[in-house]
Amino acid sequence: MVQTPTKPLTLEEFLQQPETKPASEFIDGQIIQKHIAQGKHSTLQVDLGADINLRLKPQHIARAYSELRCTFGGRSIVPDIAVFTWERIPRDDNGKVSNTLARAALAEGIAPDWTIEILSPDQSQTKVVRNILHCLTHGTQMGWLIDPEEEVVFAYFADRTLAVFELASDRLPVLPFAESFNLTVGKLFSWLKE
């Protein structure tokens, strides 16, 4: 049987598609569906996002978004947590957070200031690292890759240095705007026992 090749989608065409659950990402012309979050992943995602917002949102410093579609640099990805400084959050004409951050990001090329990914079982660490590096290439200042099974955090910085944090007492690095946010490896992974 001869199969007729389908025309690959453009980024614009991808963004017109209905959202999927779990979310799909558009990477290098391919549509890749994310893994379904499991217990450890979901616990860390919810608690970490809430802790960041507790420390940074009331002072209008920054805001953490969970599973927010971010479209820039020819890709449309959905980081587990995307942190934007307050002044960079796309807003509508009424000053409210825009419902169409993907469209605003596409027009303006907005990457998060800080991207956080939590590795799921059977997820390709290489794919996740590539998304973090893509973010760093397009203006993100720092990315974390959290591995719940190994209880380790890899921190990637805009200058492409990499640091590994695995001791319970290791204080995780933050950006200057987030210096009021203090978290150790031990505290991060203690949320899995609560």
N, C-alpha and C. Protein backbone atom coordinates (compact mmCIF):
# COMPACT_ATOMS: atom_id res chain seq x y z
N MET A 1 0.85 -1.17 0.00
CA MET A 1 0.00 0.00 0.00
C MET A 1 0.89 1.23 0.00
N VAL A 2 0.54 2.22 -0.81
CA VAL A 2 1.27 3.48 -0.89
C VAL A 2 0.57 4.49 0.00
N GLN A 3 1.34 5.10 0.88
CA GLN A 3 0.76 6.13 1.73
C GLN A 3 1.15 7.49 1.19
N THR A 4 0.18 8.36 1.13
CA THR A 4 0.46 9.72 0.70
C THR A 4 0.98 10.50 1.89
N PRO A 5 2.16 11.10 1.75
CA PRO A 5 2.68 11.84 2.89
C PRO A 5 1.78 13.04 3.19
N THR A 6 1.57 13.24 4.47
CA THR A 6 0.77 14.40 4.88
C THR A 6 1.67 15.63 4.94
N LYS A 7 1.07 16.75 4.63
CA LYS A 7 1.80 18.01 4.68
C LYS A 7 2.09 18.36 6.14
N PRO A 8 3.34 18.63 6.47
CA PRO A 8 3.64 18.97 7.84
C PRO A 8 2.95 20.30 8.22
N LEU A 9 2.58 20.39 9.49
CA LEU A 9 1.95 21.60 9.99
C LEU A 9 2.98 22.70 10.22
N THR A 10 2.53 23.92 10.04
CA THR A 10 3.35 25.06 10.44
C THR A 10 3.04 25.37 11.90
N LEU A 11 3.83 26.21 12.51
CA LEU A 11 3.58 26.61 13.89
C LEU A 11 2.21 27.28 14.01
N GLU A 12 1.88 28.15 13.07
CA GLU A 12 0.57 28.83 13.09
C GLU A 12 -0.56 27.81 13.00
N GLU A 13 -0.42 26.81 12.13
CA GLU A 13 -1.45 25.79 11.99
C GLU A 13 -1.57 24.96 13.27
N PHE A 14 -0.43 24.65 13.87
CA PHE A 14 -0.44 23.91 15.13
C PHE A 14 -1.22 24.68 16.19
N LEU A 15 -0.99 25.98 16.28
CA LEU A 15 -1.66 26.79 17.30
C LEU A 15 -3.16 26.90 17.09
N GLN A 16 -3.62 26.60 15.87
CA GLN A 16 -5.06 26.62 15.59
C GLN A 16 -5.74 25.31 15.99
N GLN A 17 -4.95 24.27 16.23
CA GLN A 17 -5.48 22.97 16.60
C GLN A 17 -6.07 23.04 18.02
N PRO A 18 -7.07 22.20 18.32
CA PRO A 18 -7.58 22.15 19.69
C PRO A 18 -6.50 21.62 20.64
N GLU A 19 -6.53 22.07 21.87
CA GLU A 19 -5.58 21.59 22.87
C GLU A 19 -5.84 20.12 23.15
N THR A 20 -4.80 19.41 23.52
CA THR A 20 -4.90 18.00 23.88
C THR A 20 -4.62 17.84 25.36
N LYS A 21 -5.03 16.72 25.91
CA LYS A 21 -4.70 16.40 27.30
C LYS A 21 -4.07 15.03 27.32
N PRO A 22 -2.83 14.88 27.76
CA PRO A 22 -1.95 15.97 28.15
C PRO A 22 -1.58 16.85 26.95
N ALA A 23 -1.00 17.98 27.24
CA ALA A 23 -0.69 18.96 26.20
C ALA A 23 0.29 18.40 25.17
N SER A 24 0.17 18.91 23.95
CA SER A 24 1.13 18.58 22.89
C SER A 24 2.03 19.78 22.67
N GLU A 25 3.25 19.49 22.28
CA GLU A 25 4.23 20.55 21.99
C GLU A 25 4.60 20.49 20.52
N PHE A 26 5.01 21.62 19.97
CA PHE A 26 5.44 21.71 18.58
C PHE A 26 6.94 21.99 18.61
N ILE A 27 7.72 20.96 18.22
CA ILE A 27 9.18 21.04 18.31
C ILE A 27 9.77 20.58 16.99
N ASP A 28 10.52 21.47 16.36
CA ASP A 28 11.18 21.15 15.10
C ASP A 28 10.23 20.56 14.08
N GLY A 29 9.04 21.15 13.98
CA GLY A 29 8.06 20.71 12.99
C GLY A 29 7.27 19.47 13.37
N GLN A 30 7.52 18.91 14.54
CA GLN A 30 6.83 17.71 14.98
C GLN A 30 5.92 18.02 16.16
N ILE A 31 4.80 17.31 16.22
CA ILE A 31 3.89 17.43 17.36
C ILE A 31 4.21 16.27 18.31
N ILE A 32 4.56 16.62 19.55
CA ILE A 32 4.96 15.63 20.55
C ILE A 32 4.08 15.83 21.77
N GLN A 33 3.34 14.80 22.13
CA GLN A 33 2.47 14.90 23.30
C GLN A 33 3.27 14.63 24.57
N LYS A 34 3.03 15.47 25.58
CA LYS A 34 3.71 15.31 26.87
C LYS A 34 3.18 14.08 27.59
N HIS A 35 3.92 13.63 28.59
CA HIS A 35 3.49 12.50 29.41
C HIS A 35 2.44 12.96 30.41
N ILE A 36 1.60 12.05 30.82
CA ILE A 36 0.63 12.34 31.86
C ILE A 36 1.38 12.42 33.19
N ALA A 37 1.11 13.49 33.93
CA ALA A 37 1.77 13.67 35.22
C ALA A 37 1.32 12.59 36.19
N GLN A 38 2.28 12.01 36.89
CA GLN A 38 1.98 11.01 37.90
C GLN A 38 2.17 11.64 39.27
N GLY A 39 2.04 10.85 40.32
CA GLY A 39 2.02 11.37 41.69
C GLY A 39 3.17 12.26 42.08
N LYS A 40 4.41 11.78 41.92
CA LYS A 40 5.58 12.58 42.33
C LYS A 40 5.67 13.85 41.51
N HIS A 41 5.51 13.71 40.21
CA HIS A 41 5.58 14.85 39.30
C HIS A 41 4.53 15.90 39.68
N SER A 42 3.30 15.46 39.84
CA SER A 42 2.19 16.37 40.14
C SER A 42 2.39 17.05 41.49
N THR A 43 2.82 16.29 42.50
CA THR A 43 3.05 16.87 43.83
C THR A 43 4.10 17.97 43.76
N LEU A 44 5.23 17.69 43.13
CA LEU A 44 6.29 18.69 43.04
C LEU A 44 5.85 19.90 42.22
N GLN A 45 5.13 19.67 41.15
CA GLN A 45 4.68 20.77 40.29
C GLN A 45 3.75 21.71 41.06
N VAL A 46 2.76 21.16 41.72
CA VAL A 46 1.79 21.98 42.45
C VAL A 46 2.45 22.70 43.62
N ASP A 47 3.20 21.96 44.44
CA ASP A 47 3.80 22.57 45.63
C ASP A 47 4.88 23.60 45.29
N LEU A 48 5.70 23.31 44.28
CA LEU A 48 6.74 24.25 43.90
C LEU A 48 6.14 25.53 43.32
N GLY A 49 5.17 25.39 42.42
CA GLY A 49 4.52 26.57 41.86
C GLY A 49 3.87 27.41 42.93
N ALA A 50 3.19 26.76 43.89
CA ALA A 50 2.53 27.48 44.98
C ALA A 50 3.55 28.20 45.86
N ASP A 51 4.68 27.54 46.14
CA ASP A 51 5.71 28.15 46.99
C ASP A 51 6.34 29.36 46.30
N ILE A 52 6.61 29.25 45.01
CA ILE A 52 7.17 30.39 44.26
C ILE A 52 6.18 31.55 44.31
N ASN A 53 4.90 31.26 44.04
CA ASN A 53 3.89 32.32 44.04
C ASN A 53 3.70 32.93 45.43
N LEU A 54 3.79 32.12 46.46
CA LEU A 54 3.65 32.62 47.83
C LEU A 54 4.73 33.65 48.15
N ARG A 55 5.93 33.42 47.64
CA ARG A 55 7.06 34.31 47.94
C ARG A 55 7.17 35.51 46.99
N LEU A 56 6.77 35.34 45.73
CA LEU A 56 7.05 36.37 44.73
C LEU A 56 5.82 37.13 44.22
N LYS A 57 4.66 36.51 44.26
CA LYS A 57 3.46 37.15 43.69
C LYS A 57 2.94 38.33 44.52
N PRO A 58 2.85 38.24 45.86
CA PRO A 58 2.27 39.35 46.62
C PRO A 58 3.01 40.69 46.42
N GLN A 59 4.30 40.63 46.19
CA GLN A 59 5.09 41.85 45.98
C GLN A 59 5.16 42.25 44.50
N HIS A 60 4.42 41.54 43.65
CA HIS A 60 4.42 41.78 42.20
C HIS A 60 5.82 41.69 41.62
N ILE A 61 6.56 40.67 42.07
CA ILE A 61 7.91 40.43 41.56
C ILE A 61 7.85 39.50 40.36
N ALA A 62 7.16 38.38 40.53
CA ALA A 62 7.06 37.37 39.47
C ALA A 62 5.87 36.47 39.77
N ARG A 63 5.53 35.67 38.77
CA ARG A 63 4.42 34.73 38.93
C ARG A 63 4.78 33.42 38.24
N ALA A 64 4.47 32.31 38.92
CA ALA A 64 4.69 30.98 38.35
C ALA A 64 3.39 30.47 37.75
N TYR A 65 3.50 29.92 36.53
CA TYR A 65 2.36 29.34 35.83
C TYR A 65 2.62 27.87 35.61
N SER A 66 1.61 27.05 35.85
CA SER A 66 1.71 25.62 35.65
C SER A 66 1.14 25.27 34.29
N GLU A 67 1.92 24.48 33.52
CA GLU A 67 1.46 23.98 32.22
C GLU A 67 1.00 25.11 31.28
N LEU A 68 1.73 26.19 31.23
CA LEU A 68 1.40 27.33 30.37
C LEU A 68 2.07 27.16 29.01
N ARG A 69 1.29 27.26 27.95
CA ARG A 69 1.85 27.17 26.60
C ARG A 69 2.73 28.40 26.35
N CYS A 70 3.97 28.16 25.98
CA CYS A 70 4.93 29.22 25.67
C CYS A 70 5.39 29.02 24.23
N THR A 71 5.18 30.03 23.40
CA THR A 71 5.48 29.93 21.98
C THR A 71 6.50 30.99 21.61
N PHE A 72 7.67 30.55 21.16
CA PHE A 72 8.74 31.47 20.78
C PHE A 72 9.81 30.68 20.04
N GLY A 73 10.56 31.37 19.22
CA GLY A 73 11.69 30.73 18.53
C GLY A 73 11.30 29.55 17.66
N GLY A 74 10.09 29.56 17.10
CA GLY A 74 9.67 28.48 16.22
C GLY A 74 9.15 27.24 16.91
N ARG A 75 9.05 27.28 18.23
CA ARG A 75 8.52 26.15 19.00
C ARG A 75 7.35 26.60 19.84
N SER A 76 6.53 25.66 20.21
CA SER A 76 5.45 25.90 21.17
C SER A 76 5.54 24.79 22.21
N ILE A 77 6.01 25.15 23.40
CA ILE A 77 6.25 24.16 24.44
C ILE A 77 5.38 24.47 25.66
N VAL A 78 5.27 23.50 26.53
CA VAL A 78 4.46 23.64 27.74
C VAL A 78 5.32 23.21 28.93
N PRO A 79 6.12 24.14 29.47
CA PRO A 79 6.93 23.77 30.64
C PRO A 79 6.04 23.38 31.81
N ASP A 80 6.56 22.54 32.69
CA ASP A 80 5.79 22.18 33.88
C ASP A 80 5.50 23.44 34.70
N ILE A 81 6.51 24.29 34.85
CA ILE A 81 6.33 25.59 35.51
C ILE A 81 7.10 26.62 34.70
N ALA A 82 6.43 27.71 34.36
CA ALA A 82 7.07 28.84 33.67
C ALA A 82 6.93 30.06 34.59
N VAL A 83 8.04 30.69 34.91
CA VAL A 83 8.02 31.85 35.79
C VAL A 83 8.34 33.09 34.96
N PHE A 84 7.45 34.09 35.06
CA PHE A 84 7.62 35.37 34.38
C PHE A 84 7.75 36.47 35.40
N THR A 85 8.71 37.39 35.20
CA THR A 85 8.74 38.56 36.05
C THR A 85 7.48 39.37 35.79
N TRP A 86 7.05 40.11 36.78
CA TRP A 86 5.75 40.78 36.76
C TRP A 86 5.55 41.65 35.53
N GLU A 87 6.57 42.42 35.17
CA GLU A 87 6.43 43.36 34.05
C GLU A 87 6.40 42.66 32.68
N ARG A 88 6.77 41.39 32.63
CA ARG A 88 6.79 40.66 31.35
C ARG A 88 5.57 39.78 31.14
N ILE A 89 4.64 39.75 32.09
CA ILE A 89 3.43 38.94 31.94
C ILE A 89 2.54 39.61 30.90
N PRO A 90 2.22 38.92 29.79
CA PRO A 90 1.34 39.53 28.78
C PRO A 90 -0.03 39.82 29.36
N ARG A 91 -0.51 41.02 29.08
CA ARG A 91 -1.80 41.46 29.63
C ARG A 91 -2.70 41.98 28.51
N ASP A 92 -4.00 41.91 28.76
CA ASP A 92 -4.96 42.43 27.79
C ASP A 92 -5.15 43.93 28.00
N ASP A 93 -6.06 44.53 27.26
CA ASP A 93 -6.28 45.98 27.33
C ASP A 93 -6.78 46.44 28.70
N ASN A 94 -7.35 45.53 29.49
CA ASN A 94 -7.85 45.88 30.82
C ASN A 94 -6.82 45.65 31.91
N GLY A 95 -5.60 45.26 31.52
CA GLY A 95 -4.54 45.03 32.49
C GLY A 95 -4.57 43.66 33.14
N LYS A 96 -5.51 42.81 32.70
CA LYS A 96 -5.59 41.46 33.24
C LYS A 96 -4.66 40.54 32.45
N VAL A 97 -4.27 39.43 33.09
CA VAL A 97 -3.43 38.43 32.41
C VAL A 97 -4.15 38.01 31.13
N SER A 98 -3.43 38.01 30.04
CA SER A 98 -4.01 37.66 28.74
C SER A 98 -4.34 36.18 28.70
N ASN A 99 -5.51 35.85 28.14
CA ASN A 99 -5.88 34.45 27.94
C ASN A 99 -5.11 33.84 26.79
N THR A 100 -4.55 34.65 25.95
CA THR A 100 -3.88 34.16 24.75
C THR A 100 -2.38 34.43 24.85
N LEU A 101 -1.78 33.91 25.92
CA LEU A 101 -0.35 34.10 26.08
C LEU A 101 0.43 33.51 24.91
N ALA A 102 -0.07 32.41 24.34
CA ALA A 102 0.62 31.81 23.20
C ALA A 102 0.64 32.78 22.03
N ARG A 103 -0.48 33.44 21.77
CA ARG A 103 -0.53 34.39 20.66
C ARG A 103 0.37 35.59 20.95
N ALA A 104 0.30 36.10 22.18
CA ALA A 104 1.16 37.23 22.55
C ALA A 104 2.62 36.83 22.45
N ALA A 105 2.93 35.62 22.90
CA ALA A 105 4.31 35.15 22.84
C ALA A 105 4.77 35.01 21.40
N LEU A 106 3.87 34.52 20.52
CA LEU A 106 4.23 34.35 19.12
C LEU A 106 4.55 35.70 18.49
N ALA A 107 3.75 36.71 18.82
CA ALA A 107 3.96 38.03 18.24
C ALA A 107 5.19 38.71 18.83
N GLU A 108 5.41 38.50 20.13
CA GLU A 108 6.47 39.23 20.82
C GLU A 108 7.71 38.39 21.11
N GLY A 109 7.61 37.09 20.91
CA GLY A 109 8.75 36.23 21.20
C GLY A 109 9.05 36.13 22.68
N ILE A 110 8.04 35.91 23.50
CA ILE A 110 8.22 35.92 24.95
C ILE A 110 8.55 34.52 25.47
N ALA A 111 9.74 34.38 26.02
CA ALA A 111 10.13 33.15 26.71
C ALA A 111 10.04 33.43 28.20
N PRO A 112 9.78 32.40 29.01
CA PRO A 112 9.75 32.64 30.46
C PRO A 112 11.12 33.07 30.97
N ASP A 113 11.14 33.76 32.08
CA ASP A 113 12.41 34.15 32.70
C ASP A 113 13.09 32.93 33.32
N TRP A 114 12.26 32.00 33.80
CA TRP A 114 12.76 30.81 34.50
C TRP A 114 11.84 29.66 34.10
N THR A 115 12.40 28.58 33.62
CA THR A 115 11.60 27.42 33.23
C THR A 115 11.98 26.25 34.13
N ILE A 116 10.96 25.49 34.52
CA ILE A 116 11.18 24.35 35.41
C ILE A 116 10.49 23.13 34.80
N GLU A 117 11.25 22.06 34.67
CA GLU A 117 10.73 20.80 34.16
C GLU A 117 10.94 19.73 35.22
N ILE A 118 9.96 18.85 35.35
CA ILE A 118 10.02 17.74 36.30
C ILE A 118 9.97 16.46 35.48
N LEU A 119 10.99 15.67 35.61
CA LEU A 119 11.10 14.45 34.82
C LEU A 119 10.07 13.42 35.26
N SER A 120 9.35 12.87 34.30
CA SER A 120 8.38 11.81 34.56
C SER A 120 9.02 10.47 34.23
N PRO A 121 8.52 9.38 34.84
CA PRO A 121 9.05 8.06 34.48
C PRO A 121 8.88 7.84 32.98
N ASP A 122 9.87 7.25 32.37
CA ASP A 122 9.87 6.93 30.93
C ASP A 122 9.93 8.16 30.03
N GLN A 123 10.14 9.35 30.58
CA GLN A 123 10.27 10.55 29.75
C GLN A 123 11.72 10.71 29.33
N SER A 124 11.93 11.17 28.12
CA SER A 124 13.29 11.38 27.61
C SER A 124 13.92 12.60 28.25
N GLN A 125 14.97 12.36 29.02
CA GLN A 125 15.68 13.48 29.63
C GLN A 125 16.29 14.37 28.55
N THR A 126 16.72 13.78 27.45
CA THR A 126 17.30 14.55 26.35
C THR A 126 16.30 15.55 25.79
N LYS A 127 15.05 15.13 25.57
CA LYS A 127 14.02 16.02 25.05
C LYS A 127 13.78 17.19 26.00
N VAL A 128 13.71 16.88 27.29
CA VAL A 128 13.46 17.92 28.28
C VAL A 128 14.63 18.91 28.32
N VAL A 129 15.84 18.40 28.30
CA VAL A 129 17.02 19.28 28.30
C VAL A 129 17.03 20.15 27.05
N ARG A 130 16.66 19.58 25.91
CA ARG A 130 16.61 20.38 24.68
C ARG A 130 15.61 21.53 24.81
N ASN A 131 14.46 21.28 25.45
CA ASN A 131 13.50 22.36 25.66
C ASN A 131 14.07 23.44 26.57
N ILE A 132 14.77 23.03 27.63
CA ILE A 132 15.39 24.01 28.52
C ILE A 132 16.43 24.83 27.76
N LEU A 133 17.27 24.17 26.97
CA LEU A 133 18.30 24.88 26.20
C LEU A 133 17.67 25.82 25.16
N HIS A 134 16.54 25.41 24.56
CA HIS A 134 15.83 26.28 23.63
C HIS A 134 15.37 27.54 24.36
N CYS A 135 14.83 27.36 25.55
CA CYS A 135 14.41 28.52 26.35
C CYS A 135 15.59 29.45 26.62
N LEU A 136 16.71 28.88 27.03
CA LEU A 136 17.89 29.69 27.35
C LEU A 136 18.39 30.45 26.12
N THR A 137 18.30 29.84 24.96
CA THR A 137 18.72 30.50 23.72
C THR A 137 17.83 31.69 23.39
N HIS A 138 16.59 31.67 23.88
CA HIS A 138 15.63 32.72 23.52
C HIS A 138 15.27 33.64 24.69
N GLY A 139 16.15 33.78 25.65
CA GLY A 139 15.97 34.81 26.68
C GLY A 139 15.68 34.32 28.08
N THR A 140 15.41 33.04 28.26
CA THR A 140 15.22 32.53 29.61
C THR A 140 16.55 32.61 30.34
N GLN A 141 16.49 33.00 31.60
CA GLN A 141 17.72 33.20 32.37
C GLN A 141 18.21 31.95 33.08
N MET A 142 17.25 31.05 33.42
CA MET A 142 17.63 29.85 34.16
C MET A 142 16.58 28.76 33.95
N GLY A 143 17.03 27.51 33.96
CA GLY A 143 16.13 26.38 33.89
C GLY A 143 16.51 25.33 34.92
N TRP A 144 15.51 24.74 35.52
CA TRP A 144 15.73 23.61 36.42
C TRP A 144 15.17 22.36 35.78
N LEU A 145 15.89 21.27 35.93
CA LEU A 145 15.38 19.94 35.60
C LEU A 145 15.39 19.15 36.89
N ILE A 146 14.21 18.79 37.36
CA ILE A 146 14.05 18.08 38.63
C ILE A 146 13.81 16.61 38.32
N ASP A 147 14.61 15.75 38.93
CA ASP A 147 14.45 14.30 38.78
C ASP A 147 13.98 13.74 40.11
N PRO A 148 12.67 13.46 40.25
CA PRO A 148 12.14 12.97 41.53
C PRO A 148 12.67 11.60 41.94
N GLU A 149 12.97 10.74 40.98
CA GLU A 149 13.44 9.40 41.32
C GLU A 149 14.85 9.43 41.91
N GLU A 150 15.70 10.25 41.33
CA GLU A 150 17.09 10.36 41.80
C GLU A 150 17.25 11.42 42.89
N GLU A 151 16.20 12.23 43.11
CA GLU A 151 16.22 13.36 44.05
C GLU A 151 17.41 14.27 43.78
N VAL A 152 17.46 14.72 42.54
CA VAL A 152 18.53 15.61 42.10
C VAL A 152 17.92 16.72 41.25
N VAL A 153 18.55 17.89 41.28
CA VAL A 153 18.11 19.02 40.46
C VAL A 153 19.30 19.50 39.64
N PHE A 154 19.10 19.58 38.33
CA PHE A 154 20.09 20.14 37.42
C PHE A 154 19.67 21.58 37.14
N ALA A 155 20.58 22.52 37.34
CA ALA A 155 20.29 23.93 37.07
C ALA A 155 21.10 24.37 35.86
N TYR A 156 20.39 24.89 34.87
CA TYR A 156 21.01 25.38 33.63
C TYR A 156 20.89 26.90 33.65
N PHE A 157 21.97 27.56 33.25
CA PHE A 157 22.00 29.02 33.27
C PHE A 157 22.19 29.56 31.86
N ALA A 158 21.85 30.82 31.65
CA ALA A 158 21.92 31.42 30.32
C ALA A 158 23.32 31.34 29.72
N ASP A 159 24.35 31.32 30.56
CA ASP A 159 25.71 31.22 30.02
C ASP A 159 26.09 29.78 29.71
N ARG A 160 25.10 28.87 29.83
CA ARG A 160 25.23 27.45 29.50
C ARG A 160 26.04 26.66 30.52
N THR A 161 26.33 27.24 31.69
CA THR A 161 26.95 26.41 32.72
C THR A 161 25.87 25.53 33.32
N LEU A 162 26.27 24.46 33.90
CA LEU A 162 25.36 23.49 34.50
C LEU A 162 25.83 23.23 35.93
N ALA A 163 24.90 23.17 36.85
CA ALA A 163 25.22 22.82 38.22
C ALA A 163 24.26 21.72 38.66
N VAL A 164 24.77 20.81 39.50
CA VAL A 164 23.98 19.69 39.98
C VAL A 164 23.83 19.83 41.49
N PHE A 165 22.59 19.66 41.96
CA PHE A 165 22.30 19.79 43.39
C PHE A 165 21.64 18.50 43.85
N GLU A 166 22.30 17.81 44.80
CA GLU A 166 21.78 16.51 45.22
C GLU A 166 21.85 16.27 46.72
N LEU A 167 22.56 17.11 47.46
CA LEU A 167 22.60 16.96 48.90
C LEU A 167 21.39 17.66 49.50
N ALA A 168 20.81 17.09 50.55
CA ALA A 168 19.62 17.68 51.16
C ALA A 168 19.85 19.13 51.58
N SER A 169 21.08 19.46 51.97
CA SER A 169 21.38 20.82 52.43
C SER A 169 21.69 21.80 51.29
N ASP A 170 21.81 21.30 50.06
CA ASP A 170 22.11 22.18 48.92
C ASP A 170 20.98 23.18 48.73
N ARG A 171 21.34 24.47 48.72
CA ARG A 171 20.36 25.52 48.44
C ARG A 171 20.28 25.66 46.93
N LEU A 172 19.07 25.60 46.40
CA LEU A 172 18.89 25.69 44.95
C LEU A 172 19.09 27.14 44.49
N PRO A 173 19.71 27.31 43.32
CA PRO A 173 19.99 28.66 42.84
C PRO A 173 18.71 29.35 42.37
N VAL A 174 18.67 30.64 42.56
CA VAL A 174 17.56 31.44 42.06
C VAL A 174 18.12 32.66 41.35
N LEU A 175 17.28 33.30 40.58
CA LEU A 175 17.67 34.50 39.87
C LEU A 175 17.60 35.70 40.83
N PRO A 176 18.30 36.79 40.52
CA PRO A 176 18.29 37.95 41.42
C PRO A 176 16.89 38.43 41.79
N PHE A 177 15.94 38.40 40.87
CA PHE A 177 14.59 38.87 41.20
C PHE A 177 13.90 37.96 42.21
N ALA A 178 14.38 36.72 42.37
CA ALA A 178 13.73 35.75 43.24
C ALA A 178 14.53 35.45 44.50
N GLU A 179 15.40 36.36 44.91
CA GLU A 179 16.26 36.04 46.06
C GLU A 179 15.49 35.83 47.36
N SER A 180 14.24 36.28 47.44
CA SER A 180 13.44 36.01 48.63
C SER A 180 12.90 34.57 48.65
N PHE A 181 13.08 33.86 47.56
CA PHE A 181 12.65 32.46 47.47
C PHE A 181 13.83 31.58 47.82
N ASN A 182 13.72 30.86 48.93
CA ASN A 182 14.82 30.06 49.44
C ASN A 182 14.34 28.61 49.53
N LEU A 183 15.02 27.71 48.82
CA LEU A 183 14.60 26.31 48.80
C LEU A 183 15.83 25.42 48.75
N THR A 184 15.82 24.39 49.58
CA THR A 184 16.90 23.39 49.54
C THR A 184 16.39 22.13 48.85
N VAL A 185 17.33 21.30 48.45
CA VAL A 185 16.98 20.02 47.84
C VAL A 185 16.15 19.19 48.83
N GLY A 186 16.55 19.20 50.09
CA GLY A 186 15.83 18.44 51.11
C GLY A 186 14.38 18.89 51.25
N LYS A 187 14.16 20.20 51.28
CA LYS A 187 12.79 20.73 51.41
C LYS A 187 11.97 20.37 50.17
N LEU A 188 12.55 20.54 48.97
CA LEU A 188 11.84 20.23 47.73
C LEU A 188 11.31 18.80 47.75
N PHE A 189 12.19 17.85 48.05
CA PHE A 189 11.78 16.46 47.99
C PHE A 189 11.03 16.00 49.25
N SER A 190 11.05 16.81 50.31
CA SER A 190 10.24 16.48 51.49
C SER A 190 8.76 16.59 51.18
N TRP A 191 8.39 17.39 50.17
CA TRP A 191 6.99 17.52 49.78
C TRP A 191 6.42 16.18 49.32
N LEU A 192 7.28 15.27 48.90
CA LEU A 192 6.80 13.95 48.47
C LEU A 192 6.38 13.08 49.65
N LYS A 193 6.73 13.49 50.88
CA LYS A 193 6.37 12.73 52.06
C LYS A 193 5.19 13.33 52.80
N GLU A 194 4.75 14.51 52.38
CA GLU A 194 3.65 15.20 53.08
C GLU A 194 2.30 14.73 52.62
